[in-house]
Amino acid sequence: MLKLDLNPIKYELTLDAELCDLIKRNYNRHTLGWTVRGHWRTYKSGKKTWIKPSVRGDKDKITGKIYEV
């Protein structure tokens, strides 16, 4: 059940499982593993912290990409 609380109006929406399956999008992963470069993250307080580079997906199946220039 999904509830939206927009003051002062309240909406209540009930979705059944069949309808949820129709709404879902199909997902195809193009690569099994990929790298993510490091970056600075700024919090609301103004504090900055370095996010280290990491690997997403399957760490054993990282594939490189060939770029044409």
N, C-alpha and C. Protein backbone atom coordinates (compact mmCIF):
# COMPACT_ATOMS: atom_id res chain seq x y z
N MET A 1 0.85 -1.17 0.00
CA MET A 1 0.00 0.00 0.00
C MET A 1 0.90 1.23 0.00
N LEU A 2 0.58 2.20 -0.80
CA LEU A 2 1.33 3.44 -0.93
C LEU A 2 0.48 4.57 -0.37
N LYS A 3 1.03 5.30 0.57
CA LYS A 3 0.29 6.43 1.15
C LYS A 3 1.03 7.71 0.85
N LEU A 4 0.31 8.68 0.34
CA LEU A 4 0.86 10.00 0.09
C LEU A 4 0.20 10.96 1.07
N ASP A 5 1.00 11.67 1.83
CA ASP A 5 0.46 12.60 2.81
C ASP A 5 0.82 14.01 2.38
N LEU A 6 -0.10 14.65 1.67
CA LEU A 6 0.08 16.02 1.23
C LEU A 6 -0.89 16.88 2.02
N ASN A 7 -0.36 17.65 2.95
CA ASN A 7 -1.22 18.42 3.85
C ASN A 7 -2.06 19.40 3.07
N PRO A 8 -3.31 19.60 3.36
CA PRO A 8 -4.18 18.84 4.25
C PRO A 8 -4.89 17.68 3.55
N ILE A 9 -4.54 17.40 2.30
CA ILE A 9 -5.22 16.36 1.55
C ILE A 9 -4.44 15.05 1.68
N LYS A 10 -5.15 13.93 1.91
CA LYS A 10 -4.50 12.63 2.01
C LYS A 10 -5.03 11.72 0.91
N TYR A 11 -4.10 11.10 0.18
CA TYR A 11 -4.46 10.16 -0.86
C TYR A 11 -3.98 8.78 -0.44
N GLU A 12 -4.78 7.77 -0.69
CA GLU A 12 -4.40 6.40 -0.37
C GLU A 12 -4.58 5.57 -1.63
N LEU A 13 -3.52 4.88 -2.03
CA LEU A 13 -3.52 4.14 -3.27
C LEU A 13 -3.12 2.70 -2.97
N THR A 14 -3.94 1.77 -3.43
CA THR A 14 -3.65 0.36 -3.23
C THR A 14 -3.36 -0.28 -4.58
N LEU A 15 -2.19 -0.90 -4.68
CA LEU A 15 -1.79 -1.58 -5.91
C LEU A 15 -1.73 -3.08 -5.65
N ASP A 16 -2.32 -3.86 -6.52
CA ASP A 16 -2.22 -5.30 -6.36
C ASP A 16 -0.95 -5.80 -7.05
N ALA A 17 -0.56 -7.03 -6.79
CA ALA A 17 0.68 -7.60 -7.31
C ALA A 17 0.68 -7.66 -8.83
N GLU A 18 -0.46 -7.95 -9.44
CA GLU A 18 -0.54 -8.03 -10.90
C GLU A 18 -0.23 -6.69 -11.54
N LEU A 19 -0.77 -5.62 -10.99
CA LEU A 19 -0.53 -4.29 -11.53
C LEU A 19 0.93 -3.88 -11.34
N CYS A 20 1.53 -4.25 -10.22
CA CYS A 20 2.93 -3.94 -9.98
C CYS A 20 3.82 -4.62 -11.01
N ASP A 21 3.49 -5.85 -11.39
CA ASP A 21 4.28 -6.56 -12.40
C ASP A 21 4.18 -5.89 -13.76
N LEU A 22 3.05 -5.29 -14.07
CA LEU A 22 2.88 -4.59 -15.33
C LEU A 22 3.69 -3.29 -15.36
N ILE A 23 3.81 -2.64 -14.20
CA ILE A 23 4.50 -1.36 -14.11
C ILE A 23 6.02 -1.54 -14.17
N LYS A 24 6.54 -2.66 -13.67
CA LYS A 24 7.98 -2.89 -13.62
C LYS A 24 8.61 -2.85 -15.00
N ARG A 25 9.80 -2.27 -15.06
CA ARG A 25 10.55 -2.24 -16.31
C ARG A 25 11.51 -3.41 -16.35
N ASN A 26 11.78 -3.92 -17.53
CA ASN A 26 12.79 -4.96 -17.68
C ASN A 26 14.17 -4.32 -17.56
N TYR A 27 15.10 -5.07 -17.00
CA TYR A 27 16.44 -4.55 -16.75
C TYR A 27 17.47 -5.51 -17.31
N ASN A 28 18.33 -5.02 -18.18
CA ASN A 28 19.44 -5.80 -18.72
C ASN A 28 20.73 -5.11 -18.35
N ARG A 29 21.59 -5.82 -17.63
CA ARG A 29 22.90 -5.27 -17.27
C ARG A 29 23.82 -5.47 -18.45
N HIS A 30 24.42 -4.38 -18.95
CA HIS A 30 25.28 -4.44 -20.13
C HIS A 30 26.68 -4.95 -19.79
N THR A 31 27.17 -4.64 -18.59
CA THR A 31 28.46 -5.14 -18.15
C THR A 31 28.28 -5.74 -16.76
N LEU A 32 29.05 -6.77 -16.48
CA LEU A 32 28.91 -7.46 -15.19
C LEU A 32 29.65 -6.73 -14.08
N GLY A 33 30.72 -6.03 -14.41
CA GLY A 33 31.48 -5.30 -13.41
C GLY A 33 32.03 -4.02 -14.01
N TRP A 34 32.12 -2.96 -13.21
CA TRP A 34 32.64 -1.69 -13.71
C TRP A 34 33.27 -0.92 -12.57
N THR A 35 34.14 0.01 -12.93
CA THR A 35 34.82 0.81 -11.92
C THR A 35 34.12 2.15 -11.78
N VAL A 36 34.21 2.71 -10.58
CA VAL A 36 33.64 4.02 -10.29
C VAL A 36 34.78 4.88 -9.77
N ARG A 37 34.99 6.05 -10.39
CA ARG A 37 36.11 6.89 -9.97
C ARG A 37 35.80 7.59 -8.65
N GLY A 38 36.86 8.00 -7.97
CA GLY A 38 36.70 8.71 -6.71
C GLY A 38 36.16 10.11 -6.93
N HIS A 39 35.55 10.68 -5.89
CA HIS A 39 34.98 12.02 -5.99
C HIS A 39 34.80 12.62 -4.61
N TRP A 40 34.63 13.91 -4.56
CA TRP A 40 34.35 14.61 -3.31
C TRP A 40 32.85 14.64 -3.06
N ARG A 41 32.47 14.36 -1.82
CA ARG A 41 31.06 14.44 -1.43
C ARG A 41 30.92 15.58 -0.44
N THR A 42 29.93 16.44 -0.66
CA THR A 42 29.67 17.56 0.24
C THR A 42 28.36 17.31 0.98
N TYR A 43 28.44 17.29 2.29
CA TYR A 43 27.25 17.09 3.12
C TYR A 43 26.52 18.41 3.33
N LYS A 44 25.29 18.35 3.82
CA LYS A 44 24.49 19.55 4.07
C LYS A 44 25.19 20.48 5.06
N SER A 45 25.94 19.89 5.98
CA SER A 45 26.64 20.69 6.99
C SER A 45 27.82 21.46 6.40
N GLY A 46 28.21 21.14 5.16
CA GLY A 46 29.34 21.79 4.53
C GLY A 46 30.61 20.96 4.59
N LYS A 47 30.59 19.88 5.39
CA LYS A 47 31.75 19.00 5.50
C LYS A 47 31.98 18.29 4.17
N LYS A 48 33.25 18.20 3.77
CA LYS A 48 33.60 17.51 2.53
C LYS A 48 34.42 16.27 2.88
N THR A 49 34.15 15.18 2.17
CA THR A 49 34.88 13.94 2.39
C THR A 49 35.14 13.29 1.04
N TRP A 50 36.27 12.58 0.95
CA TRP A 50 36.67 11.91 -0.27
C TRP A 50 36.04 10.52 -0.32
N ILE A 51 35.35 10.20 -1.41
CA ILE A 51 34.80 8.87 -1.64
C ILE A 51 35.81 8.13 -2.51
N LYS A 52 36.32 7.01 -2.00
CA LYS A 52 37.36 6.27 -2.70
C LYS A 52 36.84 5.61 -3.97
N PRO A 53 37.71 5.43 -4.97
CA PRO A 53 37.32 4.68 -6.16
C PRO A 53 36.93 3.25 -5.76
N SER A 54 35.97 2.67 -6.46
CA SER A 54 35.51 1.34 -6.10
C SER A 54 35.07 0.58 -7.33
N VAL A 55 34.71 -0.67 -7.12
CA VAL A 55 34.22 -1.53 -8.20
C VAL A 55 32.78 -1.87 -7.89
N ARG A 56 31.91 -1.74 -8.87
CA ARG A 56 30.49 -2.08 -8.71
C ARG A 56 30.19 -3.33 -9.52
N GLY A 57 29.21 -4.05 -9.11
CA GLY A 57 28.84 -5.27 -9.82
C GLY A 57 29.76 -6.41 -9.41
N ASP A 58 30.02 -7.32 -10.33
CA ASP A 58 30.86 -8.50 -10.07
C ASP A 58 32.33 -8.10 -10.20
N LYS A 59 33.05 -8.14 -9.07
CA LYS A 59 34.44 -7.71 -9.05
C LYS A 59 35.36 -8.58 -9.90
N ASP A 60 34.98 -9.81 -10.13
CA ASP A 60 35.81 -10.74 -10.90
C ASP A 60 35.60 -10.61 -12.40
N LYS A 61 34.58 -9.89 -12.83
CA LYS A 61 34.25 -9.82 -14.26
C LYS A 61 34.26 -8.38 -14.78
N ILE A 62 35.29 -7.62 -14.38
CA ILE A 62 35.42 -6.24 -14.85
C ILE A 62 35.93 -6.28 -16.29
N THR A 63 35.25 -5.55 -17.16
CA THR A 63 35.67 -5.47 -18.55
C THR A 63 36.04 -4.03 -18.87
N GLY A 64 37.10 -3.88 -19.63
CA GLY A 64 37.52 -2.55 -20.06
C GLY A 64 36.66 -2.08 -21.21
N LYS A 65 36.79 -0.82 -21.54
CA LYS A 65 36.02 -0.27 -22.65
C LYS A 65 36.98 0.40 -23.61
N ILE A 66 36.78 0.19 -24.90
CA ILE A 66 37.60 0.80 -25.92
C ILE A 66 36.87 2.01 -26.46
N TYR A 67 37.52 3.17 -26.39
CA TYR A 67 36.94 4.41 -26.86
C TYR A 67 37.53 4.77 -28.20
N GLU A 68 36.71 5.21 -29.13
CA GLU A 68 37.19 5.69 -30.41
C GLU A 68 37.19 7.21 -30.38
N VAL A 69 38.32 7.78 -30.80
CA VAL A 69 38.45 9.24 -30.78
C VAL A 69 38.45 9.77 -32.18
